[in-house]
PDB file of N, CA and C in Angstrom:
ATOM      1  N   MET A   1      92.821  40.442 104.468  1.00  0.00           N
ATOM      2  CA  MET A   1      92.242  40.870 103.220  1.00  0.00           C
ATOM      3  C   MET A   1      90.859  41.491 103.442  1.00  0.00           C
ATOM      4  N   ARG A   2      90.125  40.950 104.425  1.00  0.00           N
ATOM      5  CA  ARG A   2      88.801  41.438 104.759  1.00  0.00           C
ATOM      6  C   ARG A   2      88.814  42.901 105.183  1.00  0.00           C
ATOM      7  N   HIS A   3      89.878  43.344 105.814  1.00  0.00           N
ATOM      8  CA  HIS A   3      89.981  44.709 106.337  1.00  0.00           C
ATOM      9  C   HIS A   3      90.472  45.699 105.287  1.00  0.00           C
ATOM     10  N   ILE A   4      91.041  45.208 104.225  1.00  0.00           N
ATOM     11  CA  ILE A   4      91.576  46.080 103.182  1.00  0.00           C
ATOM     12  C   ILE A   4      90.453  46.747 102.388  1.00  0.00           C
ATOM     13  N   ALA A   5      89.406  46.011 102.086  1.00  0.00           N
ATOM     14  CA  ALA A   5      88.307  46.573 101.276  1.00  0.00           C
ATOM     15  C   ALA A   5      87.655  47.783 101.948  1.00  0.00           C
ATOM     16  N   PRO A   6      87.279  47.717 103.242  1.00  0.00           N
ATOM     17  CA  PRO A   6      86.697  48.921 103.871  1.00  0.00           C
ATOM     18  C   PRO A   6      87.688  50.086 103.929  1.00  0.00           C
ATOM     19  N   ALA A   7      88.957  49.804 104.168  1.00  0.00           N
ATOM     20  CA  ALA A   7      89.957  50.875 104.222  1.00  0.00           C
ATOM     21  C   ALA A   7      90.132  51.517 102.852  1.00  0.00           C
ATOM     22  N   LEU A   8      90.163  50.706 101.808  1.00  0.00           N
ATOM     23  CA  LEU A   8      90.286  51.225 100.450  1.00  0.00           C
ATOM     24  C   LEU A   8      89.065  52.066 100.076  1.00  0.00           C
ATOM     25  N   ALA A   9      87.889  51.609 100.479  1.00  0.00           N
ATOM     26  CA  ALA A   9      86.661  52.370 100.207  1.00  0.00           C
ATOM     27  C   ALA A   9      86.712  53.740 100.881  1.00  0.00           C
ATOM     28  N   CYS A  10      87.198  53.806 102.105  1.00  0.00           N
ATOM     29  CA  CYS A  10      87.312  55.095 102.816  1.00  0.00           C
ATOM     30  C   CYS A  10      88.263  56.035 102.084  1.00  0.00           C
ATOM     31  N   VAL A  11      89.374  55.506 101.635  1.00  0.00           N
ATOM     32  CA  VAL A  11      90.362  56.322 100.917  1.00  0.00           C
ATOM     33  C   VAL A  11      89.763  56.856  99.624  1.00  0.00           C
ATOM     34  N   LEU A  12      89.078  56.004  98.880  1.00  0.00           N
ATOM     35  CA  LEU A  12      88.496  56.420  97.605  1.00  0.00           C
ATOM     36  C   LEU A  12      87.402  57.466  97.791  1.00  0.00           C
ATOM     37  N   PHE A  13      86.602  57.356  98.845  1.00  0.00           N
ATOM     38  CA  PHE A  13      85.551  58.341  99.085  1.00  0.00           C
ATOM     39  C   PHE A  13      86.119  59.663  99.595  1.00  0.00           C
ATOM     40  N   ALA A  14      87.205  59.614 100.347  1.00  0.00           N
ATOM     41  CA  ALA A  14      87.807  60.831 100.904  1.00  0.00           C
ATOM     42  C   ALA A  14      88.689  61.551  99.901  1.00  0.00           C
ATOM     43  N   ALA A  15      89.225  60.869  98.924  1.00  0.00           N
ATOM     44  CA  ALA A  15      90.159  61.467  97.970  1.00  0.00           C
ATOM     45  C   ALA A  15      89.597  62.685  97.250  1.00  0.00           C
ATOM     46  N   PRO A  16      88.350  62.678  96.759  1.00  0.00           N
ATOM     47  CA  PRO A  16      87.841  63.862  96.064  1.00  0.00           C
ATOM     48  C   PRO A  16      87.701  65.091  96.957  1.00  0.00           C
ATOM     49  N   VAL A  17      87.657  64.904  98.268  1.00  0.00           N
ATOM     50  CA  VAL A  17      87.485  66.028  99.186  1.00  0.00           C
ATOM     51  C   VAL A  17      88.725  66.915  99.221  1.00  0.00           C
ATOM     52  N   VAL A  18      89.906  66.360  99.149  1.00  0.00           N
ATOM     53  CA  VAL A  18      91.138  67.125  99.270  1.00  0.00           C
ATOM     54  C   VAL A  18      91.271  68.190  98.181  1.00  0.00           C
ATOM     55  N   PRO A  19      91.135  67.867  96.883  1.00  0.00           N
ATOM     56  CA  PRO A  19      91.259  68.907  95.862  1.00  0.00           C
ATOM     57  C   PRO A  19      90.165  69.970  95.971  1.00  0.00           C
ATOM     58  N   ALA A  20      88.981  69.597  96.410  1.00  0.00           N
ATOM     59  CA  ALA A  20      87.884  70.557  96.498  1.00  0.00           C
ATOM     60  C   ALA A  20      88.152  71.619  97.564  1.00  0.00           C
ATOM     61  N   GLN A  21      88.861  71.273  98.608  1.00  0.00           N
ATOM     62  CA  GLN A  21      89.128  72.234  99.668  1.00  0.00           C
ATOM     63  C   GLN A  21      90.201  73.236  99.289  1.00  0.00           C
ATOM     64  N   ALA A  22      91.121  72.863  98.463  1.00  0.00           N
ATOM     65  CA  ALA A  22      92.233  73.731  98.097  1.00  0.00           C
ATOM     66  C   ALA A  22      92.041  74.208  96.662  1.00  0.00           C
ATOM     67  N   HIS A  23      91.073  75.106  96.446  1.00  0.00           N
ATOM     68  CA  HIS A  23      90.766  75.475  95.069  1.00  0.00           C
ATOM     69  C   HIS A  23      91.776  76.415  94.445  1.00  0.00           C
ATOM     70  N   HIS A  24      92.506  77.198  95.216  1.00  0.00           N
ATOM     71  CA  HIS A  24      93.649  77.918  94.658  1.00  0.00           C
ATOM     72  C   HIS A  24      94.566  78.408  95.755  1.00  0.00           C
ATOM     73  N   SER A  25      95.779  78.682  95.350  1.00  0.00           N
ATOM     74  CA  SER A  25      96.807  79.125  96.263  1.00  0.00           C
ATOM     75  C   SER A  25      96.753  80.642  96.411  1.00  0.00           C
ATOM     76  N   PHE A  26      97.261  81.127  97.519  1.00  0.00           N
ATOM     77  CA  PHE A  26      97.361  82.573  97.704  1.00  0.00           C
ATOM     78  C   PHE A  26      98.781  83.059  97.410  1.00  0.00           C
ATOM     79  N   ALA A  27      99.577  82.222  96.728  1.00  0.00           N
ATOM     80  CA  ALA A  27     100.952  82.571  96.385  1.00  0.00           C
ATOM     81  C   ALA A  27     101.014  83.755  95.431  1.00  0.00           C
ATOM     82  N   MET A  28      99.930  84.057  94.733  1.00  0.00           N
ATOM     83  CA  MET A  28      99.931  85.180  93.795  1.00  0.00           C
ATOM     84  C   MET A  28      99.906  86.534  94.502  1.00  0.00           C
ATOM     85  N   PHE A  29      99.615  86.518  95.822  1.00  0.00           N
ATOM     86  CA  PHE A  29      99.565  87.753  96.599  1.00  0.00           C
ATOM     87  C   PHE A  29     100.846  87.917  97.415  1.00  0.00           C
ATOM     88  N   ASP A  30     101.326  89.149  97.538  1.00  0.00           N
ATOM     89  CA  ASP A  30     102.556  89.432  98.264  1.00  0.00           C
ATOM     90  C   ASP A  30     102.225  89.946  99.667  1.00  0.00           C
ATOM     91  N   ALA A  31     101.990  89.012 100.581  1.00  0.00           N
ATOM     92  CA  ALA A  31     101.632  89.368 101.957  1.00  0.00           C
ATOM     93  C   ALA A  31     102.800  90.010 102.710  1.00  0.00           C
ATOM     94  N   GLU A  32     104.009  89.843 102.218  1.00  0.00           N
ATOM     95  CA  GLU A  32     105.199  90.417 102.859  1.00  0.00           C
ATOM     96  C   GLU A  32     105.307  91.927 102.648  1.00  0.00           C
ATOM     97  N   HIS A  33     104.631  92.446 101.623  1.00  0.00           N
ATOM     98  CA  HIS A  33     104.713  93.869 101.298  1.00  0.00           C
ATOM     99  C   HIS A  33     103.315  94.458 101.125  1.00  0.00           C
ATOM    100  N   PRO A  34     102.573  94.605 102.237  1.00  0.00           N
ATOM    101  CA  PRO A  34     101.204  95.120 102.129  1.00  0.00           C
ATOM    102  C   PRO A  34     101.169  96.562 101.625  1.00  0.00           C
ATOM    103  N   VAL A  35     100.053  96.906 101.019  1.00  0.00           N
ATOM    104  CA  VAL A  35      99.818  98.237 100.464  1.00  0.00           C
ATOM    105  C   VAL A  35      98.536  98.767 101.105  1.00  0.00           C
ATOM    106  N   THR A  36      98.516 100.049 101.438  1.00  0.00           N
ATOM    107  CA  THR A  36      97.299 100.680 101.955  1.00  0.00           C
ATOM    108  C   THR A  36      96.786 101.662 100.912  1.00  0.00           C
ATOM    109  N   LEU A  37      95.521 101.525 100.572  1.00  0.00           N
ATOM    110  CA  LEU A  37      94.890 102.371  99.561  1.00  0.00           C
ATOM    111  C   LEU A  37      93.676 103.074 100.138  1.00  0.00           C
ATOM    112  N   GLU A  38      93.386 104.249  99.602  1.00  0.00           N
ATOM    113  CA  GLU A  38      92.129 104.941  99.883  1.00  0.00           C
ATOM    114  C   GLU A  38      91.484 105.236  98.555  1.00  0.00           C
ATOM    115  N   GLY A  39      90.181 104.975  98.487  1.00  0.00           N
ATOM    116  CA  GLY A  39      89.495 105.222  97.235  1.00  0.00           C
ATOM    117  C   GLY A  39      87.994 105.063  97.378  1.00  0.00           C
ATOM    118  N   ALA A  40      87.323 105.143  96.234  1.00  0.00           N
ATOM    119  CA  ALA A  40      85.865 105.031  96.191  1.00  0.00           C
ATOM    120  C   ALA A  40      85.473 103.648  95.691  1.00  0.00           C
ATOM    121  N   VAL A  41      84.536 103.048  96.397  1.00  0.00           N
ATOM    122  CA  VAL A  41      84.020 101.755  95.985  1.00  0.00           C
ATOM    123  C   VAL A  41      83.269 101.931  94.665  1.00  0.00           C
ATOM    124  N   LYS A  42      83.675 101.180  93.673  1.00  0.00           N
ATOM    125  CA  LYS A  42      82.958 101.157  92.398  1.00  0.00           C
ATOM    126  C   LYS A  42      81.931 100.032  92.432  1.00  0.00           C
ATOM    127  N   GLU A  43      82.349  98.913  93.044  1.00  0.00           N
ATOM    128  CA  GLU A  43      81.471  97.749  93.126  1.00  0.00           C
ATOM    129  C   GLU A  43      81.901  96.885  94.310  1.00  0.00           C
ATOM    130  N   TYR A  44      80.926  96.305  94.986  1.00  0.00           N
ATOM    131  CA  TYR A  44      81.175  95.359  96.069  1.00  0.00           C
ATOM    132  C   TYR A  44      80.391  94.104  95.731  1.00  0.00           C
ATOM    133  N   ARG A  45      81.110  93.005  95.525  1.00  0.00           N
ATOM    134  CA  ARG A  45      80.473  91.745  95.156  1.00  0.00           C
ATOM    135  C   ARG A  45      80.546  90.770  96.329  1.00  0.00           C
ATOM    136  N   TYR A  46      79.400  90.480  96.886  1.00  0.00           N
ATOM    137  CA  TYR A  46      79.245  89.548  98.010  1.00  0.00           C
ATOM    138  C   TYR A  46      78.883  88.200  97.389  1.00  0.00           C
ATOM    139  N   THR A  47      79.872  87.559  96.741  1.00  0.00           N
ATOM    140  CA  THR A  47      79.628  86.367  95.943  1.00  0.00           C
ATOM    141  C   THR A  47      80.526  85.217  96.378  1.00  0.00           C
ATOM    142  N   SER A  48      80.076  84.012  96.090  1.00  0.00           N
ATOM    143  CA  SER A  48      80.875  82.817  96.365  1.00  0.00           C
ATOM    144  C   SER A  48      81.677  82.465  95.121  1.00  0.00           C
ATOM    145  N   PRO A  49      82.839  81.918  95.242  1.00  0.00           N
ATOM    146  CA  PRO A  49      83.462  81.519  96.489  1.00  0.00           C
ATOM    147  C   PRO A  49      84.217  82.652  97.180  1.00  0.00           C
ATOM    148  N   HIS A  50      84.387  83.796  96.499  1.00  0.00           N
ATOM    149  CA  HIS A  50      85.101  84.927  97.105  1.00  0.00           C
ATOM    150  C   HIS A  50      84.344  86.214  96.869  1.00  0.00           C
ATOM    151  N   SER A  51      84.446  87.105  97.826  1.00  0.00           N
ATOM    152  CA  SER A  51      83.876  88.447  97.673  1.00  0.00           C
ATOM    153  C   SER A  51      84.913  89.332  96.984  1.00  0.00           C
ATOM    154  N   PHE A  52      84.439  90.433  96.406  1.00  0.00           N
ATOM    155  CA  PHE A  52      85.340  91.361  95.726  1.00  0.00           C
ATOM    156  C   PHE A  52      84.950  92.791  96.029  1.00  0.00           C
ATOM    157  N   ILE A  53      85.952  93.653  96.099  1.00  0.00           N
ATOM    158  CA  ILE A  53      85.751  95.098  96.132  1.00  0.00           C
ATOM    159  C   ILE A  53      86.481  95.643  94.915  1.00  0.00           C
ATOM    160  N   VAL A  54      85.767  96.384  94.094  1.00  0.00           N
ATOM    161  CA  VAL A  54      86.400  97.078  92.969  1.00  0.00           C
ATOM    162  C   VAL A  54      86.539  98.520  93.441  1.00  0.00           C
ATOM    163  N   LEU A  55      87.774  98.990  93.548  1.00  0.00           N
ATOM    164  CA  LEU A  55      88.092 100.271  94.172  1.00  0.00           C
ATOM    165  C   LEU A  55      88.770 101.203  93.178  1.00  0.00           C
ATOM    166  N   VAL A  56      88.270 102.430  93.089  1.00  0.00           N
ATOM    167  CA  VAL A  56      88.873 103.438  92.222  1.00  0.00           C
ATOM    168  C   VAL A  56      89.749 104.335  93.098  1.00  0.00           C
ATOM    169  N   VAL A  57      91.036 104.339  92.775  1.00  0.00           N
ATOM    170  CA  VAL A  57      92.024 105.069  93.577  1.00  0.00           C
ATOM    171  C   VAL A  57      92.606 106.189  92.726  1.00  0.00           C
ATOM    172  N   GLN A  58      92.611 107.403  93.295  1.00  0.00           N
ATOM    173  CA  GLN A  58      93.177 108.551  92.587  1.00  0.00           C
ATOM    174  C   GLN A  58      94.628 108.727  93.011  1.00  0.00           C
ATOM    175  N   GLY A  59      95.516 108.781  92.028  1.00  0.00           N
ATOM    176  CA  GLY A  59      96.935 108.967  92.301  1.00  0.00           C
ATOM    177  C   GLY A  59      97.284 110.430  92.528  1.00  0.00           C
ATOM    178  N   ASN A  60      98.511 110.693  92.920  1.00  0.00           N
ATOM    179  CA  ASN A  60      98.980 112.068  93.152  1.00  0.00           C
ATOM    180  C   ASN A  60      98.925 112.911  91.882  1.00  0.00           C
ATOM    181  N   ASP A  61      98.985 112.250  90.723  1.00  0.00           N
ATOM    182  CA  ASP A  61      98.947 112.962  89.448  1.00  0.00           C
ATOM    183  C   ASP A  61      97.518 113.235  88.970  1.00  0.00           C
ATOM    184  N   GLY A  62      96.536 112.793  89.771  1.00  0.00           N
ATOM    185  CA  GLY A  62      95.133 113.011  89.402  1.00  0.00           C
ATOM    186  C   GLY A  62      94.543 111.878  88.577  1.00  0.00           C
ATOM    187  N   GLU A  63      95.386 110.997  88.086  1.00  0.00           N
ATOM    188  CA  GLU A  63      94.907 109.845  87.312  1.00  0.00           C
ATOM    189  C   GLU A  63      94.288 108.822  88.258  1.00  0.00           C
ATOM    190  N   THR A  64      93.268 108.106  87.781  1.00  0.00           N
ATOM    191  CA  THR A  64      92.652 107.072  88.608  1.00  0.00           C
ATOM    192  C   THR A  64      93.044 105.683  88.104  1.00  0.00           C
ATOM    193  N   THR A  65      93.124 104.772  89.051  1.00  0.00           N
ATOM    194  CA  THR A  65      93.416 103.368  88.765  1.00  0.00           C
ATOM    195  C   THR A  65      92.338 102.535  89.439  1.00  0.00           C
ATOM    196  N   THR A  66      91.836 101.555  88.729  1.00  0.00           N
ATOM    197  CA  THR A  66      90.829 100.662  89.293  1.00  0.00           C
ATOM    198  C   THR A  66      91.516  99.391  89.784  1.00  0.00           C
ATOM    199  N   TRP A  67      91.322  99.101  91.064  1.00  0.00           N
ATOM    200  CA  TRP A  67      91.914  97.934  91.707  1.00  0.00           C
ATOM    201  C   TRP A  67      90.818  96.904  91.954  1.00  0.00           C
ATOM    202  N   THR A  68      91.110  95.638  91.667  1.00  0.00           N
ATOM    203  CA  THR A  68      90.185  94.547  91.960  1.00  0.00           C
ATOM    204  C   THR A  68      90.736  93.778  93.153  1.00  0.00           C
ATOM    205  N   LEU A  69      89.974  93.781  94.238  1.00  0.00           N
ATOM    206  CA  LEU A  69      90.433  93.219  95.502  1.00  0.00           C
ATOM    207  C   LEU A  69      89.608  91.996  95.876  1.00  0.00           C
ATOM    208  N   GLU A  70      90.269  90.888  96.109  1.00  0.00           N
ATOM    209  CA  GLU A  70      89.612  89.622  96.430  1.00  0.00           C
ATOM    210  C   GLU A  70      89.592  89.392  97.928  1.00  0.00           C
ATOM    211  N   GLY A  71      88.424  89.031  98.437  1.00  0.00           N
ATOM    212  CA  GLY A  71      88.278  88.754  99.865  1.00  0.00           C
ATOM    213  C   GLY A  71      87.805  87.333 100.114  1.00  0.00           C
ATOM    214  N   VAL A  72      87.411  87.086 101.339  1.00  0.00           N
ATOM    215  CA  VAL A  72      86.944  85.757 101.735  1.00  0.00           C
ATOM    216  C   VAL A  72      85.511  85.525 101.271  1.00  0.00           C
ATOM    217  N   SER A  73      84.985  84.377 101.574  1.00  0.00           N
ATOM    218  CA  SER A  73      83.637  83.997 101.154  1.00  0.00           C
ATOM    219  C   SER A  73      82.570  84.791 101.917  1.00  0.00           C
ATOM    220  N   PRO A  74      81.378  84.913 101.330  1.00  0.00           N
ATOM    221  CA  PRO A  74      80.277  85.564 102.040  1.00  0.00           C
ATOM    222  C   PRO A  74      79.952  84.875 103.365  1.00  0.00           C
ATOM    223  N   ALA A  75      80.102  83.557 103.425  1.00  0.00           N
ATOM    224  CA  ALA A  75      79.833  82.849 104.682  1.00  0.00           C
ATOM    225  C   ALA A  75      80.758  83.346 105.789  1.00  0.00           C
ATOM    226  N   GLU A  76      82.033  83.506 105.459  1.00  0.00           N
ATOM    227  CA  GLU A  76      82.990  83.995 106.459  1.00  0.00           C
ATOM    228  C   GLU A  76      82.726  85.460 106.792  1.00  0.00           C
ATOM    229  N   LEU A  77      82.425  86.268 105.788  1.00  0.00           N
ATOM    230  CA  LEU A  77      82.089  87.677 106.035  1.00  0.00           C
ATOM    231  C   LEU A  77      80.875  87.782 106.943  1.00  0.00           C
ATOM    232  N   GLY A  78      79.848  86.984 106.642  1.00  0.00           N
ATOM    233  CA  GLY A  78      78.608  87.028 107.418  1.00  0.00           C
ATOM    234  C   GLY A  78      78.809  86.708 108.886  1.00  0.00           C
ATOM    235  N   ARG A  79      79.716  85.786 109.182  1.00  0.00           N
ATOM    236  CA  ARG A  79      79.990  85.447 110.584  1.00  0.00           C
ATOM    237  C   ARG A  79      80.568  86.629 111.351  1.00  0.00           C
ATOM    238  N   SER A  80      81.129  87.597 110.630  1.00  0.00           N
ATOM    239  CA  SER A  80      81.703  88.786 111.279  1.00  0.00           C
ATOM    240  C   SER A  80      80.801  90.006 111.144  1.00  0.00           C
ATOM    241  N   GLY A  81      79.567  89.801 110.680  1.00  0.00           N
ATOM    242  CA  GLY A  81      78.617  90.905 110.608  1.00  0.00           C
ATOM    243  C   GLY A  81      78.520  91.595 109.262  1.00  0.00           C
ATOM    244  N   TRP A  82      79.338  91.197 108.305  1.00  0.00           N
ATOM    245  CA  TRP A  82      79.270  91.790 106.973  1.00  0.00           C
ATOM    246  C   TRP A  82      78.043  91.256 106.236  1.00  0.00           C
ATOM    247  N   SER A  83      77.527  92.028 105.307  1.00  0.00           N
ATOM    248  CA  SER A  83      76.413  91.598 104.466  1.00  0.00           C
ATOM    249  C   SER A  83      76.631  92.161 103.066  1.00  0.00           C
ATOM    250  N   SER A  84      75.690  91.906 102.202  1.00  0.00           N
ATOM    251  CA  SER A  84      75.790  92.417 100.834  1.00  0.00           C
ATOM    252  C   SER A  84      75.556  93.921 100.771  1.00  0.00           C
ATOM    253  N   LYS A  85      75.141  94.523 101.892  1.00  0.00           N
ATOM    254  CA  LYS A  85      74.795  95.940 101.895  1.00  0.00           C
ATOM    255  C   LYS A  85      75.756  96.837 102.685  1.00  0.00           C
ATOM    256  N   VAL A  86      76.848  96.285 103.225  1.00  0.00           N
ATOM    257  CA  VAL A  86      77.736  97.106 104.057  1.00  0.00           C
ATOM    258  C   VAL A  86      78.534  98.124 103.255  1.00  0.00           C
ATOM    259  N   LEU A  87      78.793  97.839 101.991  1.00  0.00           N
ATOM    260  CA  LEU A  87      79.493  98.784 101.120  1.00  0.00           C
ATOM    261  C   LEU A  87      78.635  99.039  99.896  1.00  0.00           C
ATOM    262  N   LYS A  88      78.639 100.280  99.445  1.00  0.00           N
ATOM    263  CA  LYS A  88      77.883 100.626  98.236  1.00  0.00           C
ATOM    264  C   LYS A  88      78.737 101.531  97.356  1.00  0.00           C
ATOM    265  N   PRO A  89      78.406 101.596  96.071  1.00  0.00           N
ATOM    266  CA  PRO A  89      79.180 102.454  95.169  1.00  0.00           C
ATOM    267  C   PRO A  89      79.267 103.888  95.708  1.00  0.00           C
ATOM    268  N   GLY A  90      80.462 104.423  95.658  1.00  0.00           N
ATOM    269  CA  GLY A  90      80.702 105.781  96.132  1.00  0.00           C
ATOM    270  C   GLY A  90      81.252 105.851  97.543  1.00  0.00           C
ATOM    271  N   ASP A  91      81.105 104.792  98.326  1.00  0.00           N
ATOM    272  CA  ASP A  91      81.671 104.796  99.679  1.00  0.00           C
ATOM    273  C   ASP A  91      83.176 104.980  99.596  1.00  0.00           C
ATOM    274  N   GLU A  92      83.697 105.869 100.414  1.00  0.00           N
ATOM    275  CA  GLU A  92      85.141 106.101 100.496  1.00  0.00           C
ATOM    276  C   GLU A  92      85.703 105.193 101.577  1.00  0.00           C
ATOM    277  N   ILE A  93      86.641 104.325 101.194  1.00  0.00           N
ATOM    278  CA  ILE A  93      87.214 103.386 102.152  1.00  0.00           C
ATOM    279  C   ILE A  93      88.736 103.424 102.130  1.00  0.00           C
ATOM    280  N   LYS A  94      89.284 102.885 103.196  1.00  0.00           N
ATOM    281  CA  LYS A  94      90.727 102.695 103.326  1.00  0.00           C
ATOM    282  C   LYS A  94      90.920 101.196 103.541  1.00  0.00           C
ATOM    283  N   VAL A  95      91.827 100.597 102.783  1.00  0.00           N
ATOM    284  CA  VAL A  95      92.029  99.157 102.874  1.00  0.00           C
ATOM    285  C   VAL A  95      93.513  98.813 102.782  1.00  0.00           C
ATOM    286  N   LYS A  96      93.946  97.933 103.691  1.00  0.00           N
ATOM    287  CA  LYS A  96      95.304  97.398 103.629  1.00  0.00           C
ATOM    288  C   LYS A  96      95.185  96.038 102.952  1.00  0.00           C
ATOM    289  N   LEU A  97      96.026  95.786 101.958  1.00  0.00           N
ATOM    290  CA  LEU A  97      95.903  94.558 101.188  1.00  0.00           C
ATOM    291  C   LEU A  97      97.249  93.966 100.852  1.00  0.00           C
ATOM    292  N   ALA A  98      97.208  92.703 100.480  1.00  0.00           N
ATOM    293  CA  ALA A  98      98.383  92.020  99.938  1.00  0.00           C
ATOM    294  C   ALA A  98      98.261  92.133  98.423  1.00  0.00           C
ATOM    295  N   PRO A  99      99.130  92.913  97.786  1.00  0.00           N
ATOM    296  CA  PRO A  99      98.993  93.141  96.340  1.00  0.00           C
ATOM    297  C   PRO A  99      99.393  91.917  95.517  1.00  0.00           C
ATOM    298  N   PHE A 100      98.947  91.906  94.258  1.00  0.00           N
ATOM    299  CA  PHE A 100      99.390  90.864  93.328  1.00  0.00           C
ATOM    300  C   PHE A 100     100.894  90.991  93.141  1.00  0.00           C
ATOM    301  N   ARG A 101     101.578  89.881  93.125  1.00  0.00           N
ATOM    302  CA  ARG A 101     103.025  89.875  92.871  1.00  0.00           C
ATOM    303  C   ARG A 101     103.338  90.378  91.466  1.00  0.00           C
ATOM    304  N   SER A 102     102.400  90.209  90.543  1.00  0.00           N
ATOM    305  CA  SER A 102     102.612  90.590  89.143  1.00  0.00           C
ATOM    306  C   SER A 102     102.638  92.099  88.928  1.00  0.00           C
ATOM    307  N   GLY A 103     102.145  92.868  89.918  1.00  0.00           N
ATOM    308  CA  GLY A 103     102.084  94.313  89.759  1.00  0.00           C
ATOM    309  C   GLY A 103     100.764  94.809  89.197  1.00  0.00           C
ATOM    310  N   VAL A 104      99.893  93.901  88.794  1.00  0.00           N
ATOM    311  CA  VAL A 104      98.552  94.279  88.327  1.00  0.00           C
ATOM    312  C   VAL A 104      97.821  94.934  89.494  1.00  0.00           C
ATOM    313  N   PRO A 105      97.042  96.002  89.248  1.00  0.00           N
ATOM    314  CA  PRO A 105      96.353  96.671  90.354  1.00  0.00           C
ATOM    315  C   PRO A 105      95.249  95.809  90.957  1.00  0.00           C
ATOM    316  N   GLY A 106      95.596  95.119  92.015  1.00  0.00           N
ATOM    317  CA  GLY A 106      94.656  94.251  92.704  1.00  0.00           C
ATOM    318  C   GLY A 106      95.361  93.564  93.845  1.00  0.00           C
ATOM    319  N   GLY A 107      94.604  92.764  94.565  1.00  0.00           N
ATOM    320  CA  GLY A 107      95.192  92.051  95.676  1.00  0.00           C
ATOM    321  C   GLY A 107      94.144  91.381  96.525  1.00  0.00           C
ATOM    322  N   SER A 108      94.554  91.000  97.718  1.00  0.00           N
ATOM    323  CA  SER A 108      93.705  90.278  98.656  1.00  0.00           C
ATOM    324  C   SER A 108      93.512  91.113  99.918  1.00  0.00           C
ATOM    325  N   TRP A 109      92.251  91.242 100.364  1.00  0.00           N
ATOM    326  CA  TRP A 109      91.951  92.026 101.565  1.00  0.00           C
ATOM    327  C   TRP A 109      91.347  91.147 102.652  1.00  0.00           C
ATOM    328  N   ARG A 110      91.494  91.618 103.890  1.00  0.00           N
ATOM    329  CA  ARG A 110      90.908  90.954 105.056  1.00  0.00           C
ATOM    330  C   ARG A 110      89.921  91.925 105.696  1.00  0.00           C
ATOM    331  N   MET A 111      88.865  91.391 106.276  1.00  0.00           N
ATOM    332  CA  MET A 111      87.800  92.222 106.872  1.00  0.00           C
ATOM    333  C   MET A 111      88.336  93.250 107.861  1.00  0.00           C
ATOM    334  N   GLU A 112      89.261  92.815 108.700  1.00  0.00           N
ATOM    335  CA  GLU A 112      89.776  93.696 109.752  1.00  0.00           C
ATOM    336  C   GLU A 112      90.655  94.818 109.205  1.00  0.00           C
ATOM    337  N   ASP A 113      90.994  94.759 107.926  1.00  0.00           N
ATOM    338  CA  ASP A 113      91.855  95.769 107.318  1.00  0.00           C
ATOM    339  C   ASP A 113      91.097  96.741 106.423  1.00  0.00           C
ATOM    340  N   VAL A 114      89.775  96.796 106.576  1.00  0.00           N
ATOM    341  CA  VAL A 114      88.946  97.703 105.783  1.00  0.00           C
ATOM    342  C   VAL A 114      88.179  98.612 106.729  1.00  0.00           C
ATOM    343  N   SER A 115      88.215  99.914 106.450  1.00  0.00           N
ATOM    344  CA  SER A 115      87.427 100.885 107.212  1.00  0.00           C
ATOM    345  C   SER A 115      86.991 101.983 106.258  1.00  0.00           C
ATOM    346  N   PHE A 116      86.039 102.773 106.701  1.00  0.00           N
ATOM    347  CA  PHE A 116      85.688 103.945 105.912  1.00  0.00           C
ATOM    348  C   PHE A 116      86.837 104.935 106.044  1.00  0.00           C
ATOM    349  N   SER A 117      86.988 105.823 105.082  1.00  0.00           N
ATOM    350  CA  SER A 117      88.115 106.765 105.078  1.00  0.00           C
ATOM    351  C   SER A 117      88.151 107.659 106.306  1.00  0.00           C
ATOM    352  N   ASN A 118      86.981 107.885 106.929  1.00  0.00           N
ATOM    353  CA  ASN A 118      86.937 108.711 108.139  1.00  0.00           C
ATOM    354  C   ASN A 118      87.340 107.933 109.389  1.00  0.00           C
ATOM    355  N   GLY A 119      87.726 106.655 109.213  1.00  0.00           N
ATOM    356  CA  GLY A 119      88.177 105.836 110.337  1.00  0.00           C
ATOM    357  C   GLY A 119      87.086 104.967 110.931  1.00  0.00           C
ATOM    358  N   GLN A 120      85.842 105.211 110.575  1.00  0.00           N
ATOM    359  CA  GLN A 120      84.731 104.416 111.103  1.00  0.00           C
ATOM    360  C   GLN A 120      84.834 102.975 110.557  1.00  0.00           C
ATOM    361  N   PRO A 121      84.631 101.992 111.417  1.00  0.00           N
ATOM    362  CA  PRO A 121      84.682 100.606 110.921  1.00  0.00           C
ATOM    363  C   PRO A 121      83.526 100.324 109.979  1.00  0.00           C
ATOM    364  N   VAL A 122      83.736  99.426 109.028  1.00  0.00           N
ATOM    365  CA  VAL A 122      82.679  99.034 108.106  1.00  0.00           C
ATOM    366  C   VAL A 122      81.582  98.305 108.867  1.00  0.00           C
ATOM    367  N   VAL A 123      81.974  97.441 109.775  1.00  0.00           N
ATOM    368  CA  VAL A 123      81.026  96.695 110.608  1.00  0.00           C
ATOM    369  C   VAL A 123      81.417  96.924 112.053  1.00  0.00           C
ATOM    370  N   VAL A 124      80.445  97.298 112.861  1.00  0.00           N
ATOM    371  CA  VAL A 124      80.706  97.486 114.289  1.00  0.00           C
ATOM    372  C   VAL A 124      80.786  96.106 114.938  1.00  0.00           C
ATOM    373  N   ALA A 125      81.840  95.893 115.716  1.00  0.00           N
ATOM    374  CA  ALA A 125      82.023  94.588 116.382  1.00  0.00           C
ATOM    375  C   ALA A 125      80.829  94.259 117.253  1.00  0.00           C
ATOM    376  N   HIS A 126      80.462  93.004 117.239  1.00  0.00           N
ATOM    377  CA  HIS A 126      79.298  92.579 118.047  1.00  0.00           C
ATOM    378  C   HIS A 126      79.706  91.581 119.086  1.00  0.00           C
TER     379      HIS A 126
END
């Protein structure tokens, strides 16, 4: 009985950690069918818990569509050399993403799948 109390205390203190780590699923993104887009950055948000790129893409018909793209945290971006200043409004980029399964113009992007439209990397590897 003496050993049960410390074990129970450990379980109770650790329990709140599990939900905090898994704040949402990525099931809403279709990683099986990636999409590659080219467009102009409207906004780049280097914010927690996720970064965002708002991208304006011109279709073949001349109409534009605004895509909202969710990325990883600024902490993870920073470890790879990204900062709040690597992208600015008007920058032309090419990005491969996992689109929303719902068909809404948006999706999830990874750092290694973003480059400027001329092929230059957004961040030079260090």
